[in-house]
Protein backbone atom coordinates (compact mmCIF):
# COMPACT_ATOMS: atom_id res chain seq x y z
CA MET A 1 36.89 10.13 -5.49
CA PRO A 2 38.64 12.33 -7.99
CA GLY A 3 39.80 10.65 -10.95
CA CYS A 4 37.11 7.96 -10.56
CA SER A 5 33.72 9.35 -11.33
CA ASN A 6 32.07 5.84 -11.62
CA CYS A 7 32.88 4.63 -8.18
CA PRO A 8 29.33 3.64 -6.54
CA SER A 9 29.69 5.96 -3.25
CA ASP A 10 30.74 8.94 -5.69
CA THR A 11 27.74 8.35 -7.89
CA ALA A 12 25.40 8.27 -4.77
CA ILE A 13 26.92 11.43 -3.24
CA ALA A 14 26.60 13.35 -6.63
CA SER A 15 22.96 12.23 -6.73
CA GLN A 16 22.18 13.57 -3.24
CA GLY A 17 23.98 16.76 -3.78
CA ALA A 18 22.05 17.27 -7.10
CA ASP A 19 18.84 17.25 -5.36
CA PRO A 20 17.35 20.65 -6.33
CA LEU A 21 14.61 20.62 -3.73
CA PHE A 22 16.97 19.82 -0.66
CA ARG A 23 19.26 22.82 -1.81
CA ARG A 24 16.08 25.04 -2.25
CA VAL A 25 14.99 23.92 1.27
CA LEU A 26 18.39 24.91 2.73
CA TRP A 27 18.24 28.37 1.26
CA ILE A 28 14.82 28.91 2.34
CA ALA A 29 15.68 27.69 6.17
CA LEU A 30 19.02 29.76 5.78
CA ILE A 31 17.21 33.23 4.92
CA ALA A 32 14.57 32.44 7.40
CA ASN A 33 17.06 32.05 10.45
CA ALA A 34 19.06 34.93 9.47
CA VAL A 35 16.15 37.22 9.52
CA MET A 36 14.76 35.90 12.83
CA PHE A 37 18.37 36.05 14.24
CA VAL A 38 18.23 40.06 13.60
CA VAL A 39 14.62 40.20 14.86
CA GLU A 40 15.32 38.30 18.18
CA ILE A 41 18.56 39.94 18.98
CA ILE A 42 17.04 43.27 18.62
CA ALA A 43 13.89 42.28 20.89
CA SER A 44 16.05 40.66 23.42
CA GLN A 45 17.82 44.04 23.99
CA LEU A 46 14.47 46.00 23.98
CA GLY A 47 12.76 43.14 26.16
CA ASN A 48 15.82 42.47 28.58
CA SER A 49 15.15 38.84 27.82
CA ILE A 50 18.08 36.27 28.20
CA SER A 51 15.88 33.34 26.85
CA LEU A 52 15.17 35.52 23.47
CA GLN A 53 18.86 36.29 23.40
CA ALA A 54 19.58 32.59 23.65
CA ASP A 55 17.23 31.75 20.86
CA ALA A 56 18.54 34.56 18.85
CA LEU A 57 22.00 32.85 18.90
CA ASP A 58 20.32 29.67 18.15
CA PHE A 59 18.96 31.17 14.93
CA PHE A 60 22.47 32.61 14.26
CA GLY A 61 23.97 29.13 14.69
CA ASP A 62 21.33 27.51 12.52
CA ALA A 63 21.98 30.03 9.73
CA ALA A 64 25.49 29.09 9.75
CA ASN A 65 24.77 25.48 9.79
CA TYR A 66 22.63 25.88 6.67
CA ALA A 67 25.36 27.85 5.01
CA ILE A 68 27.97 25.09 6.06
CA SER A 69 25.45 22.30 4.80
CA LEU A 70 25.17 24.05 1.50
CA PHE A 71 28.64 24.31 0.94
CA VAL A 72 29.34 20.57 1.60
CA LEU A 73 26.32 19.09 -0.16
CA GLY A 74 27.42 16.62 -2.73
CA MET A 75 30.78 16.17 -1.26
CA ALA A 76 32.02 12.66 -0.01
CA LEU A 77 30.65 11.42 3.38
CA HIS A 78 33.82 11.90 5.62
CA LEU A 79 33.95 15.62 4.28
CA ARG A 80 30.32 16.20 5.14
CA ALA A 81 30.96 14.30 8.54
CA ARG A 82 33.81 17.17 9.20
CA ALA A 83 31.40 19.75 8.63
CA SER A 84 28.93 18.19 11.09
CA LEU A 85 31.59 18.03 13.82
CA ILE A 86 32.07 21.76 13.12
CA LYS A 87 28.32 22.19 13.54
CA GLY A 88 28.18 20.33 16.83
CA ALA A 89 31.03 22.07 18.28
CA THR A 90 29.14 25.36 17.41
CA MET A 91 25.81 24.22 19.04
CA ALA A 92 27.83 23.04 22.13
CA ALA A 93 29.33 26.43 22.50
CA PHE A 94 26.13 28.22 22.25
CA GLY A 95 24.78 25.87 24.89
CA ILE A 96 27.59 26.55 27.23
CA TRP A 97 27.69 30.36 26.57
CA VAL A 98 23.89 30.69 27.43
CA ILE A 99 24.34 28.69 30.65
CA GLY A 100 27.00 31.07 31.71
CA ASN A 101 24.91 34.27 30.89
CA ALA A 102 21.68 32.70 32.63
CA VAL A 103 24.04 32.25 35.82
CA TYR A 104 25.34 35.82 35.41
CA ARG A 105 21.79 37.33 34.99
CA ALA A 106 20.67 35.39 38.12
CA VAL A 107 22.89 37.25 40.11
CA VAL A 108 22.61 40.60 38.22
CA GLY A 109 19.41 41.30 36.48
CA SER A 110 15.77 42.30 36.34
CA ALA A 111 12.51 40.83 34.99
CA PRO A 112 12.16 41.11 31.14
CA ASP A 113 9.13 42.48 29.23
CA ALA A 114 6.70 39.68 28.88
CA SER A 115 4.84 41.19 25.92
CA VAL A 116 7.86 41.45 23.93
CA MET A 117 8.90 37.76 24.86
CA GLY A 118 5.55 36.48 23.92
CA ALA A 119 5.15 38.22 20.63
CA VAL A 120 8.52 37.50 19.23
CA ALA A 121 8.24 33.82 20.55
CA ILE A 122 4.99 33.40 18.33
CA LEU A 123 6.59 34.88 15.43
CA ALA A 124 9.56 32.67 15.69
CA LEU A 125 7.47 29.53 16.37
CA ALA A 126 5.62 30.09 13.12
CA VAL A 127 9.17 30.41 11.19
CA ASN A 128 10.36 27.36 12.85
CA VAL A 129 7.50 25.07 12.14
CA ALA A 130 7.54 26.09 8.59
CA VAL A 131 11.19 25.23 8.17
CA SER A 132 10.36 21.86 10.20
CA ILE A 133 7.82 21.00 7.91
CA LEU A 134 10.25 21.28 5.05
CA LEU A 135 13.03 19.54 6.52
CA TYR A 136 10.89 16.59 8.16
CA ARG A 137 11.67 14.29 4.94
CA TYR A 138 15.31 14.67 5.48
CA ARG A 139 15.52 13.60 9.29
CA GLU A 140 16.74 10.21 8.77
CA GLY A 141 19.70 11.16 6.63
CA ASP A 142 23.38 11.17 7.39
CA SER A 143 24.66 13.29 10.29
CA ASN A 144 24.79 16.32 8.10
CA MET A 145 21.06 16.15 7.17
CA ARG A 146 20.18 14.78 10.59
CA SER A 147 21.87 18.02 12.50
CA ILE A 148 19.87 20.25 10.26
CA TRP A 149 16.50 18.56 11.38
CA LEU A 150 17.64 18.35 15.00
CA CYS A 151 18.63 22.16 14.82
CA SER A 152 15.00 23.21 13.22
CA ARG A 153 13.21 20.91 15.94
CA ASN A 154 14.82 22.24 18.92
CA ASP A 155 14.19 25.59 17.94
CA ALA A 156 10.52 24.82 17.66
CA ILE A 157 10.57 23.60 21.07
CA GLY A 158 12.61 26.35 22.53
CA ASN A 159 9.95 28.87 21.13
CA ILE A 160 7.32 27.25 22.71
CA ALA A 161 9.34 27.24 26.02
CA VAL A 162 9.89 31.01 25.53
CA MET A 163 6.00 31.59 25.43
CA VAL A 164 5.72 29.56 28.67
CA ALA A 165 8.56 31.85 30.02
CA ALA A 166 6.69 34.82 28.98
CA ALA A 167 3.84 33.87 30.68
CA GLY A 168 5.59 32.97 33.76
CA VAL A 169 7.14 36.41 33.94
CA PHE A 170 3.81 38.19 33.26
CA ALA A 171 2.19 36.10 36.24
CA THR A 172 5.22 36.55 38.76
CA THR A 173 6.99 39.61 37.67
CA SER A 174 10.30 37.72 38.12
CA ARG A 175 13.14 37.19 35.85
CA TRP A 176 13.46 33.17 36.97
CA PRO A 177 10.91 31.85 34.35
CA ASP A 178 13.27 33.76 31.51
CA LEU A 179 16.33 32.12 33.16
CA ILE A 180 14.99 28.73 33.38
CA VAL A 181 13.84 28.71 29.81
CA ALA A 182 17.38 29.85 28.79
CA ALA A 183 18.86 26.76 30.66
CA ILE A 184 16.27 24.63 28.89
CA ILE A 185 17.40 25.80 25.51
CA SER A 186 21.00 25.52 26.29
CA GLY A 187 20.41 21.69 27.28
CA LEU A 188 18.63 21.18 24.07
CA ASN A 189 21.48 22.40 22.19
CA LEU A 190 24.08 20.40 24.05
CA SER A 191 22.14 17.40 23.80
CA ALA A 192 21.58 17.54 20.00
CA ALA A 193 25.33 18.58 19.76
CA PHE A 194 26.78 15.45 21.52
CA HIS A 195 24.41 13.26 19.24
CA VAL A 196 25.59 15.11 15.95
CA ILE A 197 29.47 14.68 17.23
CA ARG A 198 28.98 11.05 17.99
CA LEU A 199 27.32 10.33 14.65
CA ALA A 200 29.75 12.43 12.65
CA LEU A 201 32.90 10.70 14.32
CA SER A 202 31.53 7.45 13.46
CA GLU A 203 30.76 8.52 9.71
CA ILE A 204 34.52 9.81 9.71
CA ARG A 205 35.67 6.38 10.69
CA THR A 206 33.39 4.61 8.31
CA GLY A 207 34.09 6.98 5.40
CA GLY A 208 38.09 6.56 5.99
CA SER A 209 37.77 2.81 5.97
CA ASP A 210 35.45 2.91 2.89
CA SER A 211 38.02 5.29 0.98
CA GLU A 212 40.90 2.84 1.63
CA ARG A 213 38.97 0.20 0.31
CA GLU A 214 37.76 2.07 -2.63
CA ALA A 215 40.99 3.45 -3.59
CA PRO A 216 42.77 0.44 -4.84
CA GLN A 217 39.44 -0.59 -6.69
CA CYS A 218 39.10 3.02 -8.49
CA LYS A 219 42.90 2.44 -9.30
CA LEU A 220 42.31 -1.02 -11.02
CA GLN A 221 39.46 0.21 -12.83
CA MET A 222 41.39 3.18 -14.31
CA GLU A 223 44.34 0.92 -15.29
CA THR A 224 41.95 -1.66 -16.80
CA SER A 225 40.37 1.09 -18.75
CA VAL A 226 43.76 2.57 -20.05
CA ALA A 227 44.97 -1.14 -20.98
CA ARG A 228 42.02 -1.65 -22.83
CA LYS A 229 42.12 1.60 -24.88
CA THR A 230 46.07 0.81 -25.41
CA LEU A 231 45.07 -2.73 -26.63
CA GLN A 232 42.32 -1.49 -28.86
CA ASN A 233 44.58 1.12 -30.48
CA GLY A 234 47.15 -1.41 -31.07
CA ILE A 235 44.92 -3.69 -32.88
CA ASP A 236 43.49 -0.70 -34.91
């Protein structure tokens, strides 16, 4: 809390935000996801693949999530939880958008290029596995940390699904494997989004209650400290 730097909750928050390793991992994840977004969005257009496009938008959402996480790192729990709400809403929006786009492509669309899908999916999987390994130790943190882990885990699963879709497109020369995988990716996004939103709402309620309890305690500590200094000055 402002004005009470010795409150236990603020001390714990400050120590978490000062972790240079976690901040460095977030920067690595942010850069990797931003680069892969550009790669996949171009490849999705060249290969006419909706699942690659969904995965590219997933990379974009994750890059934005990592940027938000870096911004709120070290802040109070209820502020981090509010950021998690934004991230959860973003993940849900991407999932709904992909479902709508998949329905459109089911009516109007052609088979994508399986070779482009497979090659880019392998590259994306390698990037996501590397990021997931870096983030693994933070998977049991608060909603903010957990949302980061869920994003990275879901991306790796999605990349494997795109590889399977590429094999299906190659074998059948049909667009349906691509559309099915796009629906799976959107389902992962929606599931993770609801999980993060539930946890964030719980932390907002808890954080608000904790702040109400800590406020008078912090005020009492400050008043006591001032009274002691005043008394000491009078004695001197």
